[in-house]
Amino acid sequence: MKFHYTPTSASWLNQVEIWFGILTRKSLKGASFASVDALVAHIDAYLKAYNQNPAPFGWKKREVRGMQLRNTARNFTN
């Protein structure tokens, strides 16, 4: 077994997190499954439907402005 360090701020990881958010909101939210196999089948069906019309994510670096930075710093000191 090999250990691979992956920084939490890696941009590709953020995109995966976005995709899992889409999966959760559009397919899993409020769902209930009788078994793990039923969950797997549901996710597989969602993937098949999702991949019928795939589109890349529009990825933009978020700009942090002065006031946002001051508010963030203030929150850490409270």
PDB file of N, CA and C in Angstrom:
ATOM      1  N   MET A   1       0.844  -1.167   0.000  1.00  0.00           N
ATOM      2  CA  MET A   1       0.000   0.000   0.000  1.00  0.00           C
ATOM      3  C   MET A   1       0.894   1.236   0.000  1.00  0.00           C
ATOM      4  N   LYS A   2       0.537   2.238  -0.828  1.00  0.00           N
ATOM      5  CA  LYS A   2       1.280   3.483  -0.893  1.00  0.00           C
ATOM      6  C   LYS A   2       0.395   4.630  -0.438  1.00  0.00           C
ATOM      7  N   PHE A   3       0.994   5.546   0.273  1.00  0.00           N
ATOM      8  CA  PHE A   3       0.291   6.737   0.727  1.00  0.00           C
ATOM      9  C   PHE A   3       0.556   7.860  -0.264  1.00  0.00           C
ATOM     10  N   HIS A   4      -0.496   8.528  -0.718  1.00  0.00           N
ATOM     11  CA  HIS A   4      -0.360   9.666  -1.622  1.00  0.00           C
ATOM     12  C   HIS A   4      -0.964  10.886  -0.952  1.00  0.00           C
ATOM     13  N   TYR A   5      -0.165  11.918  -0.802  1.00  0.00           N
ATOM     14  CA  TYR A   5      -0.654  13.165  -0.209  1.00  0.00           C
ATOM     15  C   TYR A   5      -1.419  13.958  -1.261  1.00  0.00           C
ATOM     16  N   THR A   6      -2.619  14.349  -0.935  1.00  0.00           N
ATOM     17  CA  THR A   6      -3.427  15.189  -1.814  1.00  0.00           C
ATOM     18  C   THR A   6      -3.826  16.437  -1.042  1.00  0.00           C
ATOM     19  N   PRO A   7      -3.348  17.596  -1.459  1.00  0.00           N
ATOM     20  CA  PRO A   7      -3.731  18.816  -0.742  1.00  0.00           C
ATOM     21  C   PRO A   7      -5.231  19.055  -0.836  1.00  0.00           C
ATOM     22  N   THR A   8      -5.818  19.541   0.249  1.00  0.00           N
ATOM     23  CA  THR A   8      -7.265  19.763   0.278  1.00  0.00           C
ATOM     24  C   THR A   8      -7.693  20.909  -0.617  1.00  0.00           C
ATOM     25  N   SER A   9      -6.754  21.721  -1.047  1.00  0.00           N
ATOM     26  CA  SER A   9      -7.105  22.852  -1.913  1.00  0.00           C
ATOM     27  C   SER A   9      -6.885  22.535  -3.388  1.00  0.00           C
ATOM     28  N   ALA A  10      -6.672  21.270  -3.725  1.00  0.00           N
ATOM     29  CA  ALA A  10      -6.443  20.891  -5.114  1.00  0.00           C
ATOM     30  C   ALA A  10      -7.690  21.182  -5.950  1.00  0.00           C
ATOM     31  N   SER A  11      -7.514  21.884  -7.075  1.00  0.00           N
ATOM     32  CA  SER A  11      -8.671  22.313  -7.861  1.00  0.00           C
ATOM     33  C   SER A  11      -9.457  21.131  -8.419  1.00  0.00           C
ATOM     34  N   TRP A  12      -8.791  20.040  -8.779  1.00  0.00           N
ATOM     35  CA  TRP A  12      -9.536  18.887  -9.311  1.00  0.00           C
ATOM     36  C   TRP A  12     -10.402  18.269  -8.231  1.00  0.00           C
ATOM     37  N   LEU A  13      -9.933  18.312  -6.986  1.00  0.00           N
ATOM     38  CA  LEU A  13     -10.711  17.773  -5.882  1.00  0.00           C
ATOM     39  C   LEU A  13     -11.975  18.606  -5.670  1.00  0.00           C
ATOM     40  N   ASN A  14     -11.851  19.920  -5.793  1.00  0.00           N
ATOM     41  CA  ASN A  14     -13.017  20.784  -5.650  1.00  0.00           C
ATOM     42  C   ASN A  14     -14.063  20.453  -6.707  1.00  0.00           C
ATOM     43  N   GLN A  15     -13.631  20.130  -7.925  1.00  0.00           N
ATOM     44  CA  GLN A  15     -14.578  19.788  -8.981  1.00  0.00           C
ATOM     45  C   GLN A  15     -15.301  18.485  -8.656  1.00  0.00           C
ATOM     46  N   VAL A  16     -14.593  17.536  -8.073  1.00  0.00           N
ATOM     47  CA  VAL A  16     -15.238  16.284  -7.664  1.00  0.00           C
ATOM     48  C   VAL A  16     -16.263  16.563  -6.571  1.00  0.00           C
ATOM     49  N   GLU A  17     -15.929  17.448  -5.646  1.00  0.00           N
ATOM     50  CA  GLU A  17     -16.876  17.816  -4.597  1.00  0.00           C
ATOM     51  C   GLU A  17     -18.127  18.455  -5.192  1.00  0.00           C
ATOM     52  N   ILE A  18     -17.957  19.283  -6.224  1.00  0.00           N
ATOM     53  CA  ILE A  18     -19.107  19.893  -6.894  1.00  0.00           C
ATOM     54  C   ILE A  18     -19.980  18.808  -7.509  1.00  0.00           C
ATOM     55  N   TRP A  19     -19.353  17.838  -8.167  1.00  0.00           N
ATOM     56  CA  TRP A  19     -20.120  16.781  -8.811  1.00  0.00           C
ATOM     57  C   TRP A  19     -20.881  15.942  -7.781  1.00  0.00           C
ATOM     58  N   PHE A  20     -20.249  15.633  -6.661  1.00  0.00           N
ATOM     59  CA  PHE A  20     -20.951  14.883  -5.617  1.00  0.00           C
ATOM     60  C   PHE A  20     -22.108  15.694  -5.042  1.00  0.00           C
ATOM     61  N   GLY A  21     -21.970  17.020  -4.995  1.00  0.00           N
ATOM     62  CA  GLY A  21     -23.078  17.869  -4.576  1.00  0.00           C
ATOM     63  C   GLY A  21     -24.248  17.775  -5.542  1.00  0.00           C
ATOM     64  N   ILE A  22     -23.942  17.740  -6.849  1.00  0.00           N
ATOM     65  CA  ILE A  22     -24.986  17.581  -7.866  1.00  0.00           C
ATOM     66  C   ILE A  22     -25.679  16.235  -7.693  1.00  0.00           C
ATOM     67  N   LEU A  23     -24.904  15.174  -7.532  1.00  0.00           N
ATOM     68  CA  LEU A  23     -25.465  13.837  -7.319  1.00  0.00           C
ATOM     69  C   LEU A  23     -26.381  13.826  -6.100  1.00  0.00           C
ATOM     70  N   THR A  24     -25.939  14.443  -5.031  1.00  0.00           N
ATOM     71  CA  THR A  24     -26.725  14.461  -3.798  1.00  0.00           C
ATOM     72  C   THR A  24     -28.036  15.223  -3.983  1.00  0.00           C
ATOM     73  N   ARG A  25     -27.947  16.445  -4.555  1.00  0.00           N
ATOM     74  CA  ARG A  25     -29.151  17.281  -4.706  1.00  0.00           C
ATOM     75  C   ARG A  25     -30.145  16.705  -5.700  1.00  0.00           C
ATOM     76  N   LYS A  26     -29.644  16.203  -6.817  1.00  0.00           N
ATOM     77  CA  LYS A  26     -30.552  15.787  -7.893  1.00  0.00           C
ATOM     78  C   LYS A  26     -31.001  14.334  -7.801  1.00  0.00           C
ATOM     79  N   SER A  27     -30.298  13.506  -7.030  1.00  0.00           N
ATOM     80  CA  SER A  27     -30.635  12.088  -7.050  1.00  0.00           C
ATOM     81  C   SER A  27     -30.820  11.454  -5.678  1.00  0.00           C
ATOM     82  N   LEU A  28     -30.033  11.859  -4.707  1.00  0.00           N
ATOM     83  CA  LEU A  28     -30.043  11.143  -3.427  1.00  0.00           C
ATOM     84  C   LEU A  28     -30.826  11.841  -2.321  1.00  0.00           C
ATOM     85  N   LYS A  29     -31.050  13.142  -2.436  1.00  0.00           N
ATOM     86  CA  LYS A  29     -31.720  13.893  -1.371  1.00  0.00           C
ATOM     87  C   LYS A  29     -33.122  13.334  -1.126  1.00  0.00           C
ATOM     88  N   GLY A  30     -33.368  12.936   0.090  1.00  0.00           N
ATOM     89  CA  GLY A  30     -34.669  12.409   0.475  1.00  0.00           C
ATOM     90  C   GLY A  30     -34.927  10.970   0.069  1.00  0.00           C
ATOM     91  N   ALA A  31     -33.951  10.340  -0.595  1.00  0.00           N
ATOM     92  CA  ALA A  31     -34.139   8.960  -1.060  1.00  0.00           C
ATOM     93  C   ALA A  31     -33.878   7.977   0.079  1.00  0.00           C
ATOM     94  N   SER A  32     -34.485   6.821  -0.036  1.00  0.00           N
ATOM     95  CA  SER A  32     -34.301   5.743   0.932  1.00  0.00           C
ATOM     96  C   SER A  32     -34.126   4.445   0.158  1.00  0.00           C
ATOM     97  N   PHE A  33     -33.218   3.609   0.606  1.00  0.00           N
ATOM     98  CA  PHE A  33     -32.905   2.379  -0.114  1.00  0.00           C
ATOM     99  C   PHE A  33     -32.978   1.191   0.826  1.00  0.00           C
ATOM    100  N   ALA A  34     -33.524   0.090   0.324  1.00  0.00           N
ATOM    101  CA  ALA A  34     -33.691  -1.115   1.133  1.00  0.00           C
ATOM    102  C   ALA A  34     -32.383  -1.866   1.337  1.00  0.00           C
ATOM    103  N   SER A  35     -31.419  -1.632   0.432  1.00  0.00           N
ATOM    104  CA  SER A  35     -30.144  -2.346   0.539  1.00  0.00           C
ATOM    105  C   SER A  35     -29.051  -1.537  -0.142  1.00  0.00           C
ATOM    106  N   VAL A  36     -27.824  -1.935   0.104  1.00  0.00           N
ATOM    107  CA  VAL A  36     -26.685  -1.309  -0.558  1.00  0.00           C
ATOM    108  C   VAL A  36     -26.771  -1.553  -2.065  1.00  0.00           C
ATOM    109  N   ASP A  37     -27.202  -2.736  -2.452  1.00  0.00           N
ATOM    110  CA  ASP A  37     -27.345  -3.041  -3.878  1.00  0.00           C
ATOM    111  C   ASP A  37     -28.346  -2.104  -4.553  1.00  0.00           C
ATOM    112  N   ALA A  38     -29.427  -1.765  -3.859  1.00  0.00           N
ATOM    113  CA  ALA A  38     -30.415  -0.841  -4.409  1.00  0.00           C
ATOM    114  C   ALA A  38     -29.816   0.557  -4.575  1.00  0.00           C
ATOM    115  N   LEU A  39     -28.999   0.983  -3.613  1.00  0.00           N
ATOM    116  CA  LEU A  39     -28.313   2.267  -3.703  1.00  0.00           C
ATOM    117  C   LEU A  39     -27.356   2.283  -4.889  1.00  0.00           C
ATOM    118  N   VAL A  40     -26.574   1.236  -5.031  1.00  0.00           N
ATOM    119  CA  VAL A  40     -25.619   1.141  -6.137  1.00  0.00           C
ATOM    120  C   VAL A  40     -26.350   1.179  -7.478  1.00  0.00           C
ATOM    121  N   ALA A  41     -27.454   0.454  -7.586  1.00  0.00           N
ATOM    122  CA  ALA A  41     -28.233   0.437  -8.826  1.00  0.00           C
ATOM    123  C   ALA A  41     -28.788   1.833  -9.127  1.00  0.00           C
ATOM    124  N   HIS A  42     -29.235   2.534  -8.095  1.00  0.00           N
ATOM    125  CA  HIS A  42     -29.774   3.885  -8.269  1.00  0.00           C
ATOM    126  C   HIS A  42     -28.680   4.837  -8.781  1.00  0.00           C
ATOM    127  N   ILE A  43     -27.507   4.779  -8.163  1.00  0.00           N
ATOM    128  CA  ILE A  43     -26.393   5.637  -8.584  1.00  0.00           C
ATOM    129  C   ILE A  43     -25.959   5.284 -10.003  1.00  0.00           C
ATOM    130  N   ASP A  44     -25.885   4.003 -10.331  1.00  0.00           N
ATOM    131  CA  ASP A  44     -25.539   3.588 -11.695  1.00  0.00           C
ATOM    132  C   ASP A  44     -26.527   4.132 -12.718  1.00  0.00           C
ATOM    133  N   ALA A  45     -27.808   4.087 -12.397  1.00  0.00           N
ATOM    134  CA  ALA A  45     -28.837   4.613 -13.308  1.00  0.00           C
ATOM    135  C   ALA A  45     -28.682   6.126 -13.468  1.00  0.00           C
ATOM    136  N   TYR A  46     -28.388   6.815 -12.363  1.00  0.00           N
ATOM    137  CA  TYR A  46     -28.180   8.255 -12.437  1.00  0.00           C
ATOM    138  C   TYR A  46     -26.975   8.578 -13.312  1.00  0.00           C
ATOM    139  N   LEU A  47     -25.888   7.835 -13.133  1.00  0.00           N
ATOM    140  CA  LEU A  47     -24.685   8.052 -13.942  1.00  0.00           C
ATOM    141  C   LEU A  47     -24.966   7.854 -15.425  1.00  0.00           C
ATOM    142  N   LYS A  48     -25.705   6.820 -15.741  1.00  0.00           N
ATOM    143  CA  LYS A  48     -26.032   6.545 -17.136  1.00  0.00           C
ATOM    144  C   LYS A  48     -26.841   7.700 -17.726  1.00  0.00           C
ATOM    145  N   ALA A  49     -27.820   8.201 -16.981  1.00  0.00           N
ATOM    146  CA  ALA A  49     -28.641   9.318 -17.457  1.00  0.00           C
ATOM    147  C   ALA A  49     -27.818  10.604 -17.534  1.00  0.00           C
ATOM    148  N   TYR A  50     -26.988  10.854 -16.528  1.00  0.00           N
ATOM    149  CA  TYR A  50     -26.165  12.068 -16.474  1.00  0.00           C
ATOM    150  C   TYR A  50     -25.184  12.101 -17.646  1.00  0.00           C
ATOM    151  N   ASN A  51     -24.615  10.964 -17.975  1.00  0.00           N
ATOM    152  CA  ASN A  51     -23.603  10.894 -19.028  1.00  0.00           C
ATOM    153  C   ASN A  51     -24.187  10.938 -20.439  1.00  0.00           C
ATOM    154  N   GLN A  52     -25.504  10.946 -20.568  1.00  0.00           N
ATOM    155  CA  GLN A  52     -26.119  11.089 -21.887  1.00  0.00           C
ATOM    156  C   GLN A  52     -25.853  12.473 -22.470  1.00  0.00           C
ATOM    157  N   ASN A  53     -25.708  13.466 -21.601  1.00  0.00           N
ATOM    158  CA  ASN A  53     -25.493  14.841 -22.047  1.00  0.00           C
ATOM    159  C   ASN A  53     -24.441  15.508 -21.162  1.00  0.00           C
ATOM    160  N   PRO A  54     -23.200  15.022 -21.186  1.00  0.00           N
ATOM    161  CA  PRO A  54     -22.179  15.577 -20.304  1.00  0.00           C
ATOM    162  C   PRO A  54     -21.746  16.970 -20.757  1.00  0.00           C
ATOM    163  N   ALA A  55     -21.361  17.785 -19.810  1.00  0.00           N
ATOM    164  CA  ALA A  55     -20.855  19.126 -20.101  1.00  0.00           C
ATOM    165  C   ALA A  55     -19.759  19.449 -19.098  1.00  0.00           C
ATOM    166  N   PRO A  56     -18.689  20.098 -19.543  1.00  0.00           N
ATOM    167  CA  PRO A  56     -17.616  20.452 -18.610  1.00  0.00           C
ATOM    168  C   PRO A  56     -18.074  21.531 -17.630  1.00  0.00           C
ATOM    169  N   PHE A  57     -17.458  21.543 -16.469  1.00  0.00           N
ATOM    170  CA  PHE A  57     -17.737  22.583 -15.491  1.00  0.00           C
ATOM    171  C   PHE A  57     -17.015  23.853 -15.922  1.00  0.00           C
ATOM    172  N   GLY A  58     -17.671  24.991 -15.757  1.00  0.00           N
ATOM    173  CA  GLY A  58     -17.001  26.274 -15.959  1.00  0.00           C
ATOM    174  C   GLY A  58     -16.260  26.609 -14.681  1.00  0.00           C
ATOM    175  N   TRP A  59     -14.954  26.544 -14.709  1.00  0.00           N
ATOM    176  CA  TRP A  59     -14.156  26.699 -13.505  1.00  0.00           C
ATOM    177  C   TRP A  59     -13.524  28.074 -13.473  1.00  0.00           C
ATOM    178  N   LYS A  60     -13.792  28.838 -12.421  1.00  0.00           N
ATOM    179  CA  LYS A  60     -13.221  30.168 -12.268  1.00  0.00           C
ATOM    180  C   LYS A  60     -12.609  30.291 -10.891  1.00  0.00           C
ATOM    181  N   LYS A  61     -11.472  30.949 -10.840  1.00  0.00           N
ATOM    182  CA  LYS A  61     -10.849  31.213  -9.549  1.00  0.00           C
ATOM    183  C   LYS A  61     -11.631  32.336  -8.881  1.00  0.00           C
ATOM    184  N   ARG A  62     -11.992  32.117  -7.647  1.00  0.00           N
ATOM    185  CA  ARG A  62     -12.778  33.114  -6.909  1.00  0.00           C
ATOM    186  C   ARG A  62     -11.862  34.239  -6.446  1.00  0.00           C
ATOM    187  N   GLU A  63     -12.288  35.453  -6.715  1.00  0.00           N
ATOM    188  CA  GLU A  63     -11.519  36.613  -6.288  1.00  0.00           C
ATOM    189  C   GLU A  63     -11.999  37.043  -4.907  1.00  0.00           C
ATOM    190  N   VAL A  64     -11.063  37.189  -3.982  1.00  0.00           N
ATOM    191  CA  VAL A  64     -11.399  37.632  -2.629  1.00  0.00           C
ATOM    192  C   VAL A  64     -11.085  39.111  -2.534  1.00  0.00           C
ATOM    193  N   ARG A  65     -12.091  39.893  -2.221  1.00  0.00           N
ATOM    194  CA  ARG A  65     -11.923  41.346  -2.124  1.00  0.00           C
ATOM    195  C   ARG A  65     -11.558  41.730  -0.690  1.00  0.00           C
ATOM    196  N   GLY A  66     -11.118  42.941  -0.530  1.00  0.00           N
ATOM    197  CA  GLY A  66     -10.642  43.427   0.759  1.00  0.00           C
ATOM    198  C   GLY A  66     -11.618  43.234   1.900  1.00  0.00           C
ATOM    199  N   MET A  67     -12.892  43.604   1.707  1.00  0.00           N
ATOM    200  CA  MET A  67     -13.883  43.499   2.783  1.00  0.00           C
ATOM    201  C   MET A  67     -14.125  42.035   3.147  1.00  0.00           C
ATOM    202  N   GLN A  68     -14.171  41.143   2.148  1.00  0.00           N
ATOM    203  CA  GLN A  68     -14.359  39.720   2.431  1.00  0.00           C
ATOM    204  C   GLN A  68     -13.200  39.195   3.270  1.00  0.00           C
ATOM    205  N   LEU A  69     -11.995  39.626   2.937  1.00  0.00           N
ATOM    206  CA  LEU A  69     -10.816  39.174   3.663  1.00  0.00           C
ATOM    207  C   LEU A  69     -10.844  39.688   5.097  1.00  0.00           C
ATOM    208  N   ARG A  70     -11.214  40.949   5.290  1.00  0.00           N
ATOM    209  CA  ARG A  70     -11.309  41.507   6.652  1.00  0.00           C
ATOM    210  C   ARG A  70     -12.379  40.785   7.465  1.00  0.00           C
ATOM    211  N   ASN A  71     -13.534  40.504   6.853  1.00  0.00           N
ATOM    212  CA  ASN A  71     -14.598  39.789   7.565  1.00  0.00           C
ATOM    213  C   ASN A  71     -14.141  38.390   7.958  1.00  0.00           C
ATOM    214  N   THR A  72     -13.429  37.713   7.070  1.00  0.00           N
ATOM    215  CA  THR A  72     -12.934  36.373   7.377  1.00  0.00           C
ATOM    216  C   THR A  72     -11.940  36.425   8.524  1.00  0.00           C
ATOM    217  N   ALA A  73     -11.026  37.377   8.475  1.00  0.00           N
ATOM    218  CA  ALA A  73     -10.051  37.523   9.554  1.00  0.00           C
ATOM    219  C   ALA A  73     -10.750  37.853  10.866  1.00  0.00           C
ATOM    220  N   ARG A  74     -11.767  38.689  10.816  1.00  0.00           N
ATOM    221  CA  ARG A  74     -12.522  39.062  12.024  1.00  0.00           C
ATOM    222  C   ARG A  74     -13.233  37.824  12.611  1.00  0.00           C
ATOM    223  N   ASN A  75     -13.774  36.987  11.752  1.00  0.00           N
ATOM    224  CA  ASN A  75     -14.453  35.777  12.250  1.00  0.00           C
ATOM    225  C   ASN A  75     -13.491  34.835  12.965  1.00  0.00           C
ATOM    226  N   PHE A  76     -12.251  34.774  12.517  1.00  0.00           N
ATOM    227  CA  PHE A  76     -11.290  33.892  13.166  1.00  0.00           C
ATOM    228  C   PHE A  76     -10.869  34.415  14.526  1.00  0.00           C
ATOM    229  N   THR A  77     -10.974  35.718  14.739  1.00  0.00           N
ATOM    230  CA  THR A  77     -10.537  36.289  16.014  1.00  0.00           C
ATOM    231  C   THR A  77     -11.656  36.348  17.050  1.00  0.00           C
ATOM    232  N   ASN A  78     -12.881  36.066  16.650  1.00  0.00           N
ATOM    233  CA  ASN A  78     -14.015  36.091  17.594  1.00  0.00           C
ATOM    234  C   ASN A  78     -14.157  34.791  18.319  1.00  0.00           C
TER     235      ASN A  78
END
